[in-house]
Amino acid sequence: MRRAVVMAAWMGLACIPCGAQPAAQRGDALKVGDPAPPLAAVQWLKGEPVPHFEQGRLYVVVFSATWCPTSRKAIPYLTELANRYAERLTLIDFFTWADGTKEAPQDLGYVDAAKYLMKSMGKKMDFNIAVDVPQQTTADAWRLEGVPTAFVVDRDGTLAWIGAPTALDPVLRQMTTGSFNAVTATRQQQEFNASLYRVQQLARSGQYRQALPMLDALIATHPQDSALYGTKYRVLAGNDDEQANSLLKWLLKADIPGFDWDHLVSSTYGLSKDQDYDLALAAVDRAIARSETKQVAARLLEQEINIHLLRSMKRPRAAEANSDISKAATALERAFDLSREPGAPTNSRLARSLRQSQFKVWAAAGDARANGLLRTLLHEGNPRTNWSNYVDAGLKHQRSPDYALLLDVADRAIAQADQEGWDKAYSLSRKAEVYLAQGDTSHALASYKQAVEAAKLGDDAAGVRRYEKRLDELRQKYLAR
């Protein structure tokens, strides 16, 4: 899947894009004024099929993905818009970017995933719904860069506006009353994007105090975009944890409709320097309460598992640590139960993730089954297994790791990674950390050197800086003796 989601999710961009992909990888992005491409669907799940755009009618085409939290959170809002403007436009939610469909076009499980979401949402999902063909030719034709993305098709069949679904209402109000100006709307969208990008740059460079006034101004002028509050939390967390926690408490109290708790929860324990685990657990509970399906709730319970395990590592007393590990195990059982919902489609991504959570819980509990699971995974050799995550979990949670086994897992990660770039460099860095944990500094240094070279080959400047810094730290610590 498209890895740019990691940075996009960290920053919490307004209407956080899932699976963002640079336009350069798919050709130039579509622009306002371009003809709207056709919609090639494998199946229309709801509403009349739209084989072409009729002259004289407005259309809204929103590209979504069932696995994307932001896509799911937009659904009730889209239903409200579809009902409000029903006589003047047609709204279509077009699901695409399903995992692995190009490699296995005969597998239509992704269609079942869309049907499952539609059934779970019920009346909250009341508009035309279609699913892309396995080859994702519609997403390619529209040169999609991220989901969710909304396109407004004017009455002459050209694109009148492109942006986040959360910004649709004022655009549609103007278009249906005749006051819409495409040039002005495009300029406003570009100014918003530029301001948000500037906030992103300032926050990344540590200038969070300069970023906050700009962000507050965006919140004031775009009150409908609740994702901006998530952005503000991420800017504060780790820089001013007291203010971040105050904002999180306010968000919990305000309970803004459609707020994307799913994207926020990992930041509540992953970015702060002084974690408030109880507050993080409250955020997870809210996310679970607002989840669209039981499978989504199962994924969110994995966040609860992470919080309990992290807190167990910081407990001063063994009894308290064991209590957290026990709570993590209980959350894991609940997650497995929810994942087995009768009639729910097979979700291989969720199954892989739950297995990883199971390994972490067993590892933290000192359960021998953890190593047994690793051996089973190595034997199965699923190419979609995130081997580096297992290495990290083993080093973090196992009290007496089997270093030889973890090195085998790291080697599998390296073997399955792209031969150059982020994956290869990161996998090599994980192997270096295993060597370091068992006291083999010579091999650790050699692996970090390889990680630097792999990052250079992949034009990963941030990775080069990160691994060179770690390499220098190790040299100063061990070679200066």
Protein backbone atom coordinates (compact mmCIF):
# COMPACT_ATOMS: atom_id res chain seq x y z
CA MET A 1 0.00 0.00 0.00
CA ARG A 2 1.01 3.57 -0.45
CA ARG A 3 3.46 4.52 2.27
CA ALA A 4 3.05 8.29 2.18
CA VAL A 5 0.07 7.79 4.50
CA VAL A 6 2.52 7.58 7.42
CA MET A 7 3.59 11.20 7.23
CA ALA A 8 0.17 12.42 6.18
CA ALA A 9 -1.47 10.74 9.15
CA TRP A 10 1.17 12.10 11.54
CA MET A 11 0.41 15.65 10.51
CA GLY A 12 -3.33 15.08 10.51
CA LEU A 13 -3.86 17.10 7.35
CA ALA A 14 -7.37 18.51 7.02
CA CYS A 15 -9.53 15.64 5.90
CA ILE A 16 -6.53 13.39 6.44
CA PRO A 17 -5.71 11.63 3.15
CA CYS A 18 -5.24 7.90 3.33
CA GLY A 19 -2.69 6.30 1.01
CA ALA A 20 -1.57 9.56 -0.51
CA GLN A 21 0.49 9.09 -3.65
CA PRO A 22 2.50 11.81 -5.44
CA ALA A 23 1.04 12.89 -8.76
CA ALA A 24 4.39 12.27 -10.40
CA GLN A 25 3.87 8.54 -9.92
CA ARG A 26 0.51 8.55 -11.73
CA GLY A 27 0.89 11.42 -14.20
CA ASP A 28 -0.18 15.03 -13.73
CA ALA A 29 -3.19 15.49 -11.46
CA LEU A 30 -6.52 16.50 -12.95
CA LYS A 31 -7.28 20.22 -12.82
CA VAL A 32 -10.38 22.35 -12.68
CA GLY A 33 -11.64 22.75 -16.24
CA ASP A 34 -10.54 19.29 -17.37
CA PRO A 35 -13.20 16.94 -18.76
CA ALA A 36 -14.46 14.48 -16.15
CA PRO A 37 -13.30 10.94 -17.04
CA PRO A 38 -15.89 8.14 -17.17
CA LEU A 39 -16.66 5.88 -14.21
CA ALA A 40 -15.88 2.19 -14.84
CA ALA A 41 -17.41 0.20 -12.00
CA VAL A 42 -17.29 -3.53 -11.35
CA GLN A 43 -20.59 -3.12 -9.52
CA TRP A 44 -23.05 -0.40 -8.56
CA LEU A 45 -24.11 -1.27 -5.03
CA LYS A 46 -26.71 1.43 -4.52
CA GLY A 47 -28.55 3.84 -6.78
CA GLU A 48 -28.80 3.95 -10.54
CA PRO A 49 -25.58 3.36 -12.51
CA VAL A 50 -24.03 6.49 -14.01
CA PRO A 51 -22.47 5.37 -17.33
CA HIS A 52 -21.88 9.00 -18.32
CA PHE A 53 -22.43 12.49 -16.96
CA GLU A 54 -25.63 14.03 -18.31
CA GLN A 55 -25.44 17.56 -19.67
CA GLY A 56 -27.21 20.06 -17.44
CA ARG A 57 -26.80 18.14 -14.16
CA LEU A 58 -24.29 18.53 -11.35
CA TYR A 59 -22.41 15.54 -9.99
CA VAL A 60 -20.21 14.97 -6.96
CA VAL A 61 -17.82 12.02 -7.21
CA VAL A 62 -16.04 11.12 -3.99
CA PHE A 63 -13.28 8.53 -4.18
CA SER A 64 -13.02 6.50 -0.98
CA ALA A 65 -11.53 3.29 0.43
CA THR A 66 -13.17 0.96 2.92
CA TRP A 67 -9.94 0.71 4.94
CA CYS A 68 -9.54 4.51 5.22
CA PRO A 69 -10.92 6.04 8.47
CA THR A 70 -11.34 9.49 6.92
CA SER A 71 -13.39 8.01 4.08
CA ARG A 72 -15.68 6.31 6.58
CA LYS A 73 -16.04 9.38 8.81
CA ALA A 74 -17.21 11.43 5.81
CA ILE A 75 -20.15 9.11 5.05
CA PRO A 76 -22.85 10.66 7.31
CA TYR A 77 -21.85 14.13 6.09
CA LEU A 78 -22.09 13.01 2.47
CA THR A 79 -25.54 11.55 3.16
CA GLU A 80 -26.64 14.91 4.56
CA LEU A 81 -25.39 16.66 1.42
CA ALA A 82 -26.96 14.07 -0.90
CA ASN A 83 -30.36 14.54 0.75
CA ARG A 84 -30.11 18.34 0.92
CA TYR A 85 -29.25 18.72 -2.78
CA ALA A 86 -31.03 15.62 -4.10
CA GLU A 87 -33.03 17.43 -6.77
CA ARG A 88 -30.09 19.41 -8.09
CA LEU A 89 -27.18 16.96 -8.16
CA THR A 90 -26.13 13.31 -8.00
CA LEU A 91 -23.63 12.24 -5.35
CA ILE A 92 -21.53 9.12 -5.94
CA ASP A 93 -19.16 7.48 -3.47
CA PHE A 94 -16.72 5.47 -5.56
CA PHE A 95 -14.68 2.89 -3.65
CA THR A 96 -11.24 2.09 -4.99
CA TRP A 97 -7.64 1.35 -3.98
CA ALA A 98 -8.51 -2.06 -2.58
CA ASP A 99 -5.51 -4.04 -1.37
CA GLY A 100 -4.02 -6.45 -3.91
CA THR A 101 -6.73 -6.32 -6.58
CA LYS A 102 -4.34 -5.62 -9.45
CA GLU A 103 -2.29 -8.67 -8.52
CA ALA A 104 -5.39 -10.87 -8.08
CA PRO A 105 -8.22 -9.39 -10.21
CA GLN A 106 -10.30 -12.54 -9.79
CA ASP A 107 -10.61 -11.89 -6.04
CA LEU A 108 -13.67 -9.69 -5.53
CA GLY A 109 -13.48 -9.73 -1.75
CA TYR A 110 -13.06 -5.95 -1.81
CA VAL A 111 -16.60 -5.69 -3.17
CA ASP A 112 -17.81 -7.65 -0.14
CA ALA A 113 -15.92 -5.19 2.07
CA ALA A 114 -17.86 -2.30 0.53
CA LYS A 115 -21.14 -4.18 0.95
CA TYR A 116 -20.25 -4.88 4.59
CA LEU A 117 -19.59 -1.21 5.25
CA MET A 118 -22.82 -0.26 3.50
CA LYS A 119 -24.81 -2.75 5.59
CA SER A 120 -23.17 -1.61 8.83
CA MET A 121 -23.83 2.07 8.11
CA GLY A 122 -27.46 1.52 7.14
CA LYS A 123 -29.39 4.76 6.56
CA LYS A 124 -26.30 6.81 7.35
CA MET A 125 -25.00 5.81 3.90
CA ASP A 126 -27.75 7.05 1.59
CA PHE A 127 -26.35 7.92 -1.84
CA ASN A 128 -25.09 6.22 -4.99
CA ILE A 129 -22.32 3.71 -4.28
CA ALA A 130 -20.00 2.05 -6.78
CA VAL A 131 -16.83 -0.03 -6.67
CA ASP A 132 -13.86 0.32 -9.02
CA VAL A 133 -12.89 -2.53 -11.33
CA PRO A 134 -10.05 -4.79 -10.05
CA GLN A 135 -7.50 -3.05 -12.26
CA GLN A 136 -8.53 0.27 -10.63
CA THR A 137 -8.76 1.91 -14.04
CA THR A 138 -11.17 4.56 -12.78
CA ALA A 139 -8.76 5.68 -10.06
CA ASP A 140 -6.03 5.80 -12.69
CA ALA A 141 -8.18 7.75 -15.15
CA TRP A 142 -9.01 10.32 -12.48
CA ARG A 143 -5.29 10.37 -11.50
CA LEU A 144 -6.22 9.90 -7.89
CA GLU A 145 -3.61 11.08 -5.39
CA GLY A 146 -5.32 10.21 -2.09
CA VAL A 147 -8.61 9.16 -0.54
CA PRO A 148 -11.03 10.59 0.20
CA THR A 149 -11.01 13.13 -2.63
CA ALA A 150 -14.11 14.91 -3.92
CA PHE A 151 -14.61 16.07 -7.52
CA VAL A 152 -17.50 18.32 -8.52
CA VAL A 153 -18.55 17.81 -12.13
CA ASP A 154 -20.21 20.87 -13.64
CA ARG A 155 -23.26 20.82 -15.89
CA ASP A 156 -21.07 20.78 -19.00
CA GLY A 157 -19.14 17.68 -17.88
CA THR A 158 -15.98 19.48 -16.81
CA LEU A 159 -14.41 19.53 -13.34
CA ALA A 160 -15.50 22.58 -11.37
CA TRP A 161 -13.83 21.87 -8.04
CA ILE A 162 -11.45 19.32 -6.44
CA GLY A 163 -10.83 18.98 -2.72
CA ALA A 164 -11.68 17.37 0.59
CA PRO A 165 -15.26 16.13 1.12
CA THR A 166 -15.51 18.19 4.31
CA ALA A 167 -15.27 21.38 2.22
CA LEU A 168 -18.10 20.49 -0.17
CA ASP A 169 -21.07 22.24 1.44
CA PRO A 170 -20.19 25.89 0.68
CA VAL A 171 -19.11 24.90 -2.84
CA LEU A 172 -22.40 23.13 -3.55
CA ARG A 173 -24.40 25.97 -1.99
CA GLN A 174 -22.76 28.43 -4.37
CA MET A 175 -23.08 26.15 -7.39
CA THR A 176 -26.79 25.54 -6.83
CA THR A 177 -27.51 29.27 -6.33
CA GLY A 178 -25.41 30.49 -9.26
CA SER A 179 -22.85 32.37 -7.17
CA PHE A 180 -19.96 29.94 -7.68
CA ASN A 181 -16.74 31.24 -9.21
CA ALA A 182 -14.28 28.48 -10.13
CA VAL A 183 -11.27 30.80 -10.19
CA THR A 184 -12.03 32.19 -6.73
CA ALA A 185 -12.80 28.75 -5.28
CA THR A 186 -9.59 27.28 -6.72
CA ARG A 187 -7.55 30.17 -5.35
CA GLN A 188 -9.11 29.76 -1.90
CA GLN A 189 -8.40 26.03 -1.97
CA GLN A 190 -4.78 26.66 -2.97
CA GLU A 191 -4.37 29.26 -0.22
CA PHE A 192 -5.76 26.83 2.35
CA ASN A 193 -3.46 24.05 1.16
CA ALA A 194 -0.47 26.40 1.18
CA SER A 195 -1.21 27.56 4.73
CA LEU A 196 -1.62 24.00 5.93
CA TYR A 197 1.62 22.99 4.23
CA ARG A 198 3.38 25.90 5.93
CA VAL A 199 2.03 24.67 9.29
CA GLN A 200 3.40 21.25 8.42
CA GLN A 201 6.84 22.64 7.60
CA LEU A 202 7.02 24.70 10.78
CA ALA A 203 5.93 21.78 12.97
CA ARG A 204 8.45 19.42 11.38
CA SER A 205 11.26 21.90 11.95
CA GLY A 206 10.38 22.31 15.62
CA GLN A 207 8.85 25.79 15.24
CA TYR A 208 5.53 24.78 16.73
CA ARG A 209 4.92 28.18 18.38
CA GLN A 210 4.94 29.82 14.96
CA ALA A 211 2.69 27.10 13.55
CA LEU A 212 -0.06 27.42 16.17
CA PRO A 213 -1.36 30.94 15.27
CA MET A 214 -1.60 29.92 11.60
CA LEU A 215 -3.45 26.76 12.58
CA ASP A 216 -5.86 28.66 14.84
CA ALA A 217 -6.59 31.02 11.95
CA LEU A 218 -7.44 28.05 9.71
CA ILE A 219 -9.73 26.63 12.38
CA ALA A 220 -11.51 29.99 12.65
CA THR A 221 -12.10 30.23 8.90
CA HIS A 222 -12.86 26.52 8.37
CA PRO A 223 -14.98 25.52 11.40
CA GLN A 224 -16.52 22.62 9.48
CA ASP A 225 -13.13 20.91 9.15
CA SER A 226 -12.80 19.11 12.48
CA ALA A 227 -9.61 17.36 11.31
CA LEU A 228 -7.81 20.63 11.99
CA TYR A 229 -8.23 19.96 15.71
CA GLY A 230 -6.41 16.68 15.20
CA THR A 231 -3.65 18.58 13.44
CA LYS A 232 -3.41 20.99 16.37
CA TYR A 233 -3.16 18.13 18.84
CA ARG A 234 -0.27 16.61 16.89
CA VAL A 235 1.53 19.92 16.74
CA LEU A 236 1.18 20.32 20.52
CA ALA A 237 1.93 16.74 21.56
CA GLY A 238 5.56 16.38 22.52
CA ASN A 239 6.03 20.15 22.45
CA ASP A 240 3.46 21.26 25.02
CA ASP A 241 1.88 18.13 26.50
CA GLU A 242 -0.18 20.10 29.00
CA GLN A 243 -1.91 22.03 26.21
CA ALA A 244 -2.21 18.88 24.11
CA ASN A 245 -3.96 17.08 26.96
CA SER A 246 -6.24 20.06 27.56
CA LEU A 247 -7.23 20.00 23.88
CA LEU A 248 -7.84 16.25 24.02
CA LYS A 249 -10.07 16.65 27.08
CA TRP A 250 -12.02 19.34 25.24
CA LEU A 251 -12.41 17.09 22.19
CA LEU A 252 -13.70 14.27 24.38
CA LYS A 253 -16.22 16.62 25.96
CA ALA A 254 -17.26 18.33 22.71
CA ASP A 255 -17.65 15.00 20.87
CA ILE A 256 -17.72 16.71 17.46
CA PRO A 257 -19.84 14.72 14.97
CA GLY A 258 -17.67 13.00 12.38
CA PHE A 259 -14.41 13.69 14.21
CA ASP A 260 -11.71 11.25 13.09
CA TRP A 261 -10.78 9.57 16.38
CA ASP A 262 -9.31 6.62 14.50
CA HIS A 263 -6.42 8.69 13.17
CA LEU A 264 -5.87 10.53 16.45
CA VAL A 265 -5.60 7.67 18.94
CA SER A 266 -2.07 6.52 18.04
CA SER A 267 -0.82 10.08 18.56
CA THR A 268 -2.26 10.21 22.08
CA TYR A 269 0.41 7.79 23.29
CA GLY A 270 2.97 7.94 20.50
CA LEU A 271 3.91 11.63 20.33
CA SER A 272 3.76 12.93 23.89
CA LYS A 273 6.87 12.95 26.03
CA ASP A 274 4.82 12.72 29.23
CA GLN A 275 2.08 10.27 28.31
CA ASP A 276 -1.28 10.36 30.04
CA TYR A 277 -2.28 6.76 29.44
CA ASP A 278 -5.71 7.12 31.04
CA LEU A 279 -6.51 9.97 28.67
CA ALA A 280 -5.21 7.92 25.73
CA LEU A 281 -7.46 5.03 26.77
CA ALA A 282 -10.43 7.42 26.92
CA ALA A 283 -9.67 8.46 23.33
CA VAL A 284 -9.56 4.83 22.22
CA ASP A 285 -12.86 4.13 23.97
CA ARG A 286 -14.43 7.05 22.12
CA ALA A 287 -13.03 5.83 18.81
CA ILE A 288 -14.46 2.35 19.43
CA ALA A 289 -17.84 3.81 20.40
CA ARG A 290 -17.91 5.74 17.11
CA SER A 291 -16.58 2.90 14.94
CA GLU A 292 -18.56 2.06 11.82
CA THR A 293 -18.14 -1.73 11.89
CA LYS A 294 -17.09 -4.44 14.31
CA GLN A 295 -13.96 -5.04 12.26
CA VAL A 296 -13.00 -1.38 12.69
CA ALA A 297 -13.60 -1.73 16.44
CA ALA A 298 -11.27 -4.75 16.45
CA ARG A 299 -8.51 -2.70 14.85
CA LEU A 300 -9.01 0.06 17.40
CA LEU A 301 -8.75 -2.43 20.25
CA GLU A 302 -5.20 -3.03 19.06
CA GLN A 303 -4.49 0.57 20.02
CA GLU A 304 -5.78 -0.23 23.51
CA ILE A 305 -3.42 -3.21 23.59
CA ASN A 306 -0.50 -0.97 22.67
CA ILE A 307 -1.33 1.50 25.44
CA HIS A 308 -1.58 -1.19 28.12
CA LEU A 309 1.69 -2.78 27.02
CA LEU A 310 3.53 0.53 26.92
CA ARG A 311 2.26 1.44 30.38
CA SER A 312 3.26 -1.98 31.71
CA MET A 313 6.88 -1.22 30.76
CA LYS A 314 6.84 1.93 32.89
CA ARG A 315 5.17 0.47 35.95
CA PRO A 316 7.42 0.49 39.04
CA ARG A 317 5.77 -2.60 40.51
CA ALA A 318 5.51 -6.02 38.90
CA ALA A 319 1.89 -6.44 40.02
CA GLU A 320 0.86 -3.25 38.21
CA ALA A 321 2.76 -4.24 35.08
CA ASN A 322 1.13 -7.67 35.07
CA SER A 323 -2.27 -6.03 35.49
CA ASP A 324 -1.69 -3.98 32.33
CA ILE A 325 -0.53 -7.06 30.42
CA SER A 326 -3.68 -8.88 31.58
CA LYS A 327 -5.83 -5.98 30.34
CA ALA A 328 -4.02 -6.13 27.00
CA ALA A 329 -4.81 -9.85 26.77
CA THR A 330 -8.49 -9.14 27.51
CA ALA A 331 -8.57 -6.48 24.77
CA LEU A 332 -6.98 -8.98 22.38
CA GLU A 333 -9.72 -11.54 23.11
CA ARG A 334 -12.37 -8.89 22.43
CA ALA A 335 -10.66 -7.96 19.17
CA PHE A 336 -10.60 -11.56 18.00
CA ASP A 337 -14.28 -11.96 18.92
CA LEU A 338 -15.27 -8.85 16.96
CA SER A 339 -13.19 -9.92 13.97
CA ARG A 340 -15.22 -13.14 13.75
CA GLU A 341 -18.54 -11.36 13.24
CA PRO A 342 -20.92 -13.73 11.43
CA GLY A 343 -21.45 -12.71 7.83
CA ALA A 344 -18.52 -10.28 7.79
CA PRO A 345 -16.16 -10.54 4.81
CA THR A 346 -12.70 -12.02 5.13
CA ASN A 347 -10.27 -9.30 6.17
CA SER A 348 -6.71 -10.54 5.65
CA ARG A 349 -5.24 -7.19 6.70
CA LEU A 350 -7.04 -7.39 10.06
CA ALA A 351 -6.03 -11.02 10.51
CA ARG A 352 -2.35 -10.16 9.99
CA SER A 353 -2.58 -7.24 12.37
CA LEU A 354 -4.26 -9.28 15.12
CA ARG A 355 -1.57 -11.92 14.83
CA GLN A 356 1.02 -9.26 15.42
CA SER A 357 -0.88 -8.01 18.48
CA GLN A 358 -1.07 -11.59 19.73
CA PHE A 359 2.69 -11.87 19.44
CA LYS A 360 3.17 -8.66 21.43
CA VAL A 361 0.86 -9.80 24.23
CA TRP A 362 2.48 -13.24 24.43
CA ALA A 363 5.94 -11.66 24.33
CA ALA A 364 5.12 -9.27 27.17
CA ALA A 365 3.66 -12.11 29.24
CA GLY A 366 6.77 -14.27 28.74
CA ASP A 367 4.64 -16.85 26.94
CA ALA A 368 6.68 -19.37 24.93
CA ARG A 369 3.98 -19.31 22.27
CA ALA A 370 5.42 -15.99 21.06
CA ASN A 371 8.49 -17.68 19.59
CA GLY A 372 6.33 -20.50 18.30
CA LEU A 373 4.24 -17.97 16.41
CA LEU A 374 7.37 -16.44 14.87
CA ARG A 375 8.52 -19.84 13.64
CA THR A 376 5.07 -20.52 12.19
CA LEU A 377 5.09 -17.19 10.37
CA LEU A 378 8.55 -17.85 8.95
CA HIS A 379 7.37 -21.24 7.72
CA GLU A 380 4.23 -19.78 6.12
CA GLY A 381 6.24 -16.99 4.46
CA ASN A 382 3.32 -14.64 3.78
CA PRO A 383 4.83 -11.85 1.63
CA ARG A 384 2.50 -9.32 3.26
CA THR A 385 3.80 -9.96 6.78
CA ASN A 386 5.46 -6.90 8.29
CA TRP A 387 8.58 -8.67 9.55
CA SER A 388 10.28 -5.52 10.84
CA ASN A 389 7.38 -4.88 13.19
CA TYR A 390 7.86 -8.34 14.70
CA VAL A 391 11.54 -7.58 15.27
CA ASP A 392 10.65 -4.32 17.01
CA ALA A 393 8.01 -6.03 19.15
CA GLY A 394 10.39 -8.81 20.13
CA LEU A 395 13.09 -6.37 21.21
CA LYS A 396 10.62 -4.18 23.06
CA HIS A 397 8.44 -6.73 24.84
CA GLN A 398 10.30 -10.02 25.22
CA ARG A 399 12.18 -10.34 28.50
CA SER A 400 14.58 -12.96 27.14
CA PRO A 401 14.51 -12.68 23.35
CA ASP A 402 15.71 -15.48 21.10
CA TYR A 403 18.18 -13.31 19.19
CA ALA A 404 18.93 -15.98 16.59
CA LEU A 405 15.22 -16.19 15.81
CA LEU A 406 14.87 -12.40 15.63
CA LEU A 407 17.83 -12.27 13.24
CA ASP A 408 16.04 -14.81 11.02
CA VAL A 409 12.97 -12.58 11.07
CA ALA A 410 15.10 -9.52 10.24
CA ASP A 411 16.69 -11.40 7.34
CA ARG A 412 13.23 -12.24 6.02
CA ALA A 413 12.30 -8.55 6.23
CA ILE A 414 15.43 -7.64 4.26
CA ALA A 415 14.82 -10.35 1.67
CA GLN A 416 11.23 -9.24 1.02
CA ALA A 417 11.97 -5.51 1.01
CA ASP A 418 12.52 -3.48 -2.12
CA GLN A 419 16.17 -3.77 -3.05
CA GLU A 420 16.68 -0.08 -2.47
CA GLY A 421 14.81 2.50 -0.49
CA TRP A 422 12.84 2.86 2.71
CA ASP A 423 11.93 -0.80 3.28
CA LYS A 424 15.42 -2.17 2.77
CA ALA A 425 17.08 0.52 4.90
CA TYR A 426 14.61 0.16 7.75
CA SER A 427 14.87 -3.65 7.75
CA LEU A 428 18.67 -3.41 7.93
CA SER A 429 18.38 -1.00 10.85
CA ARG A 430 16.19 -3.51 12.70
CA LYS A 431 18.79 -6.20 12.17
CA ALA A 432 21.42 -3.82 13.55
CA GLU A 433 19.36 -3.32 16.70
CA VAL A 434 19.11 -7.08 17.23
CA TYR A 435 22.89 -7.37 16.95
CA LEU A 436 23.26 -4.47 19.37
CA ALA A 437 20.87 -6.03 21.90
CA GLN A 438 22.92 -9.22 22.01
CA GLY A 439 26.18 -7.27 22.34
CA ASP A 440 27.51 -7.73 18.80
CA THR A 441 28.53 -4.14 18.07
CA SER A 442 30.68 -5.03 15.06
CA HIS A 443 27.77 -6.52 13.11
CA ALA A 444 25.47 -3.74 14.39
CA LEU A 445 27.76 -1.08 12.91
CA ALA A 446 28.03 -2.99 9.64
CA SER A 447 24.25 -3.29 9.34
CA TYR A 448 23.75 0.40 10.00
CA LYS A 449 26.31 1.21 7.29
CA GLN A 450 24.26 -0.92 4.91
CA ALA A 451 21.09 0.89 6.02
CA VAL A 452 22.67 4.25 5.16
CA GLU A 453 23.65 2.99 1.70
CA ALA A 454 20.19 1.56 1.05
CA ALA A 455 18.59 4.86 2.08
CA LYS A 456 20.91 6.71 -0.29
CA LEU A 457 19.98 4.42 -3.17
CA GLY A 458 16.33 5.04 -2.46
CA ASP A 459 16.75 8.84 -2.27
CA ASP A 460 15.49 8.70 1.32
CA ALA A 461 17.19 11.80 2.71
CA ALA A 462 15.43 11.58 6.08
CA GLY A 463 16.48 7.95 6.40
CA VAL A 464 20.08 8.78 5.57
CA ARG A 465 20.15 11.43 8.31
CA ARG A 466 18.49 9.12 10.81
CA TYR A 467 20.76 6.13 10.24
CA GLU A 468 23.94 8.23 10.01
CA LYS A 469 23.05 9.83 13.33
CA ARG A 470 22.53 6.42 14.93
CA LEU A 471 25.77 5.18 13.39
CA ASP A 472 27.68 8.14 14.83
CA GLU A 473 26.15 7.53 18.25
CA LEU A 474 27.26 3.90 18.22
CA ARG A 475 30.76 4.77 17.01
CA GLN A 476 31.22 7.32 19.77
CA LYS A 477 29.92 4.92 22.38
CA TYR A 478 31.81 1.77 21.38
CA LEU A 479 34.76 2.72 19.18
CA ALA A 480 35.99 5.60 21.31
CA ARG A 481 36.76 3.29 24.22
